[in-house]
Amino acid sequence: MTDVTTAQDSITRYWTDRADSYDAHHREQLANAEVKAGWTDVWRRALPAPPARVLGTDLSPGMLAKARAA
């Protein structure tokens, strides 16, 4: 019998193995006040003012291209 690994299996395995270090890296970055302030500014400019509710953000290449063209 042959062991068949799908692309999804590979992606799932990668992120299962990588998730903890990925999360730790970003938590470490956000612990830096300058980095956190930069991201806060980015999102403040990109999102509607409260009390608006945002369900998600689409950072796909197509949506980024639309945003750049606007």
N, C-alpha and C. Protein backbone atom coordinates (compact mmCIF):
# COMPACT_ATOMS: atom_id res chain seq x y z
N MET A 1 0.85 -1.18 0.00
CA MET A 1 0.00 0.00 0.00
C MET A 1 0.89 1.24 0.00
N THR A 2 0.48 2.27 -0.74
CA THR A 2 1.24 3.49 -0.87
C THR A 2 0.69 4.56 0.07
N ASP A 3 1.60 5.29 0.71
CA ASP A 3 1.18 6.39 1.58
C ASP A 3 1.01 7.64 0.72
N VAL A 4 -0.21 8.11 0.54
CA VAL A 4 -0.49 9.27 -0.28
C VAL A 4 -0.69 10.47 0.63
N THR A 5 0.14 11.50 0.41
CA THR A 5 0.02 12.73 1.18
C THR A 5 -0.52 13.81 0.26
N THR A 6 -1.64 14.38 0.64
CA THR A 6 -2.22 15.45 -0.17
C THR A 6 -1.58 16.78 0.20
N ALA A 7 -1.81 17.76 -0.62
CA ALA A 7 -1.31 19.11 -0.33
C ALA A 7 -1.89 19.59 1.00
N GLN A 8 -3.17 19.32 1.24
CA GLN A 8 -3.79 19.74 2.50
C GLN A 8 -3.13 19.06 3.69
N ASP A 9 -2.78 17.79 3.55
CA ASP A 9 -2.07 17.09 4.63
C ASP A 9 -0.74 17.78 4.93
N SER A 10 -0.04 18.16 3.89
CA SER A 10 1.25 18.83 4.07
C SER A 10 1.08 20.18 4.76
N ILE A 11 0.08 20.92 4.34
CA ILE A 11 -0.18 22.24 4.95
C ILE A 11 -0.59 22.07 6.41
N THR A 12 -1.47 21.13 6.67
CA THR A 12 -1.92 20.89 8.04
C THR A 12 -0.75 20.49 8.93
N ARG A 13 0.09 19.60 8.46
CA ARG A 13 1.25 19.16 9.23
C ARG A 13 2.20 20.32 9.49
N TYR A 14 2.45 21.13 8.45
CA TYR A 14 3.35 22.29 8.60
C TYR A 14 2.85 23.22 9.71
N TRP A 15 1.57 23.61 9.64
CA TRP A 15 1.05 24.57 10.61
C TRP A 15 0.86 23.96 11.99
N THR A 16 0.60 22.67 12.06
CA THR A 16 0.53 22.01 13.36
C THR A 16 1.90 22.06 14.03
N ASP A 17 2.95 21.81 13.27
CA ASP A 17 4.31 21.85 13.80
C ASP A 17 4.78 23.28 14.06
N ARG A 18 4.31 24.23 13.29
CA ARG A 18 4.83 25.60 13.33
C ARG A 18 4.01 26.54 14.20
N ALA A 19 2.79 26.17 14.56
CA ALA A 19 1.86 27.09 15.21
C ALA A 19 2.41 27.73 16.48
N ASP A 20 3.02 26.94 17.36
CA ASP A 20 3.51 27.49 18.63
C ASP A 20 4.59 28.54 18.42
N SER A 21 5.56 28.26 17.54
CA SER A 21 6.63 29.23 17.32
C SER A 21 6.13 30.46 16.56
N TYR A 22 5.17 30.27 15.66
CA TYR A 22 4.56 31.39 14.94
C TYR A 22 3.85 32.32 15.92
N ASP A 23 3.06 31.74 16.81
CA ASP A 23 2.34 32.51 17.80
C ASP A 23 3.32 33.24 18.73
N ALA A 24 4.33 32.53 19.19
CA ALA A 24 5.32 33.12 20.10
C ALA A 24 6.03 34.30 19.45
N HIS A 25 6.38 34.17 18.18
CA HIS A 25 7.05 35.26 17.46
C HIS A 25 6.18 36.51 17.44
N HIS A 26 4.91 36.34 17.10
CA HIS A 26 4.03 37.50 16.99
C HIS A 26 3.69 38.10 18.35
N ARG A 27 3.58 37.27 19.37
CA ARG A 27 3.38 37.81 20.72
C ARG A 27 4.60 38.61 21.16
N GLU A 28 5.78 38.11 20.84
CA GLU A 28 7.01 38.82 21.17
C GLU A 28 7.08 40.16 20.45
N GLN A 29 6.71 40.17 19.18
CA GLN A 29 6.71 41.41 18.41
C GLN A 29 5.75 42.44 19.01
N LEU A 30 4.55 41.99 19.39
CA LEU A 30 3.55 42.91 19.94
C LEU A 30 3.89 43.36 21.36
N ALA A 31 4.82 42.69 22.00
CA ALA A 31 5.28 43.14 23.32
C ALA A 31 6.17 44.37 23.19
N ASN A 32 6.68 44.60 21.98
CA ASN A 32 7.49 45.79 21.70
C ASN A 32 6.52 46.95 21.45
N ALA A 33 6.59 47.98 22.31
CA ALA A 33 5.63 49.09 22.24
C ALA A 33 5.64 49.79 20.88
N GLU A 34 6.80 49.92 20.27
CA GLU A 34 6.89 50.60 18.97
C GLU A 34 6.20 49.79 17.87
N VAL A 35 6.43 48.49 17.88
CA VAL A 35 5.79 47.62 16.88
C VAL A 35 4.27 47.61 17.10
N LYS A 36 3.85 47.48 18.35
CA LYS A 36 2.42 47.48 18.64
C LYS A 36 1.76 48.78 18.22
N ALA A 37 2.42 49.91 18.47
CA ALA A 37 1.87 51.21 18.07
C ALA A 37 1.75 51.29 16.55
N GLY A 38 2.73 50.76 15.85
CA GLY A 38 2.68 50.76 14.38
C GLY A 38 1.50 49.98 13.86
N TRP A 39 1.27 48.77 14.40
CA TRP A 39 0.14 47.96 13.97
C TRP A 39 -1.18 48.58 14.38
N THR A 40 -1.23 49.18 15.56
CA THR A 40 -2.44 49.84 16.00
C THR A 40 -2.81 50.96 15.03
N ASP A 41 -1.81 51.70 14.58
CA ASP A 41 -2.04 52.79 13.62
C ASP A 41 -2.53 52.24 12.28
N VAL A 42 -1.91 51.16 11.81
CA VAL A 42 -2.32 50.54 10.54
C VAL A 42 -3.79 50.15 10.60
N TRP A 43 -4.18 49.44 11.66
CA TRP A 43 -5.56 48.97 11.76
C TRP A 43 -6.53 50.11 12.03
N ARG A 44 -6.11 51.11 12.78
CA ARG A 44 -6.99 52.26 13.05
C ARG A 44 -7.33 52.97 11.74
N ARG A 45 -6.35 53.09 10.84
CA ARG A 45 -6.60 53.76 9.55
C ARG A 45 -7.40 52.88 8.60
N ALA A 46 -7.26 51.57 8.72
CA ALA A 46 -7.90 50.65 7.77
C ALA A 46 -9.33 50.28 8.14
N LEU A 47 -9.66 50.31 9.42
CA LEU A 47 -10.97 49.84 9.87
C LEU A 47 -11.89 51.01 10.20
N PRO A 48 -13.18 50.78 10.13
CA PRO A 48 -14.12 51.84 10.49
C PRO A 48 -14.03 52.14 11.99
N ALA A 49 -14.40 53.36 12.34
CA ALA A 49 -14.36 53.78 13.74
C ALA A 49 -15.40 53.02 14.56
N PRO A 50 -15.10 52.78 15.84
CA PRO A 50 -16.10 52.14 16.71
C PRO A 50 -17.34 53.00 16.76
N PRO A 51 -18.48 52.42 16.90
CA PRO A 51 -18.79 51.07 17.33
C PRO A 51 -19.00 50.09 16.17
N ALA A 52 -18.42 50.34 15.01
CA ALA A 52 -18.56 49.43 13.87
C ALA A 52 -18.07 48.04 14.25
N ARG A 53 -18.65 47.04 13.60
CA ARG A 53 -18.24 45.66 13.84
C ARG A 53 -17.60 45.13 12.57
N VAL A 54 -16.43 44.56 12.70
CA VAL A 54 -15.73 43.98 11.56
C VAL A 54 -15.73 42.47 11.75
N LEU A 55 -16.24 41.76 10.76
CA LEU A 55 -16.32 40.31 10.85
C LEU A 55 -15.06 39.62 10.38
N GLY A 56 -14.28 40.29 9.56
CA GLY A 56 -13.05 39.68 9.05
C GLY A 56 -12.36 40.62 8.10
N THR A 57 -11.16 40.28 7.75
CA THR A 57 -10.41 41.07 6.77
C THR A 57 -9.96 40.13 5.66
N ASP A 58 -10.02 40.59 4.44
CA ASP A 58 -9.62 39.79 3.29
C ASP A 58 -8.30 40.33 2.77
N LEU A 59 -7.23 39.59 3.00
CA LEU A 59 -5.90 40.02 2.55
C LEU A 59 -5.43 39.19 1.35
N SER A 60 -6.40 38.67 0.59
CA SER A 60 -6.04 37.90 -0.60
C SER A 60 -5.42 38.82 -1.64
N PRO A 61 -4.61 38.29 -2.54
CA PRO A 61 -3.99 39.12 -3.58
C PRO A 61 -5.00 39.94 -4.37
N GLY A 62 -6.16 39.35 -4.69
CA GLY A 62 -7.18 40.08 -5.45
C GLY A 62 -7.72 41.29 -4.69
N MET A 63 -7.99 41.10 -3.42
CA MET A 63 -8.52 42.21 -2.62
C MET A 63 -7.45 43.29 -2.38
N LEU A 64 -6.21 42.88 -2.19
CA LEU A 64 -5.13 43.85 -2.03
C LEU A 64 -4.94 44.67 -3.30
N ALA A 65 -5.07 44.01 -4.45
CA ALA A 65 -4.97 44.73 -5.73
C ALA A 65 -6.07 45.77 -5.86
N LYS A 66 -7.30 45.40 -5.45
CA LYS A 66 -8.41 46.37 -5.47
C LYS A 66 -8.13 47.55 -4.56
N ALA A 67 -7.61 47.26 -3.39
CA ALA A 67 -7.31 48.34 -2.43
C ALA A 67 -6.23 49.27 -2.97
N ARG A 68 -5.22 48.70 -3.60
CA ARG A 68 -4.14 49.53 -4.16
C ARG A 68 -4.67 50.42 -5.29
N ALA A 69 -5.62 49.90 -6.05
CA ALA A 69 -6.15 50.62 -7.20
C ALA A 69 -7.11 51.73 -6.77
N ALA A 70 -7.64 51.64 -5.58
CA ALA A 70 -8.63 52.62 -5.12
C ALA A 70 -8.00 53.98 -4.82
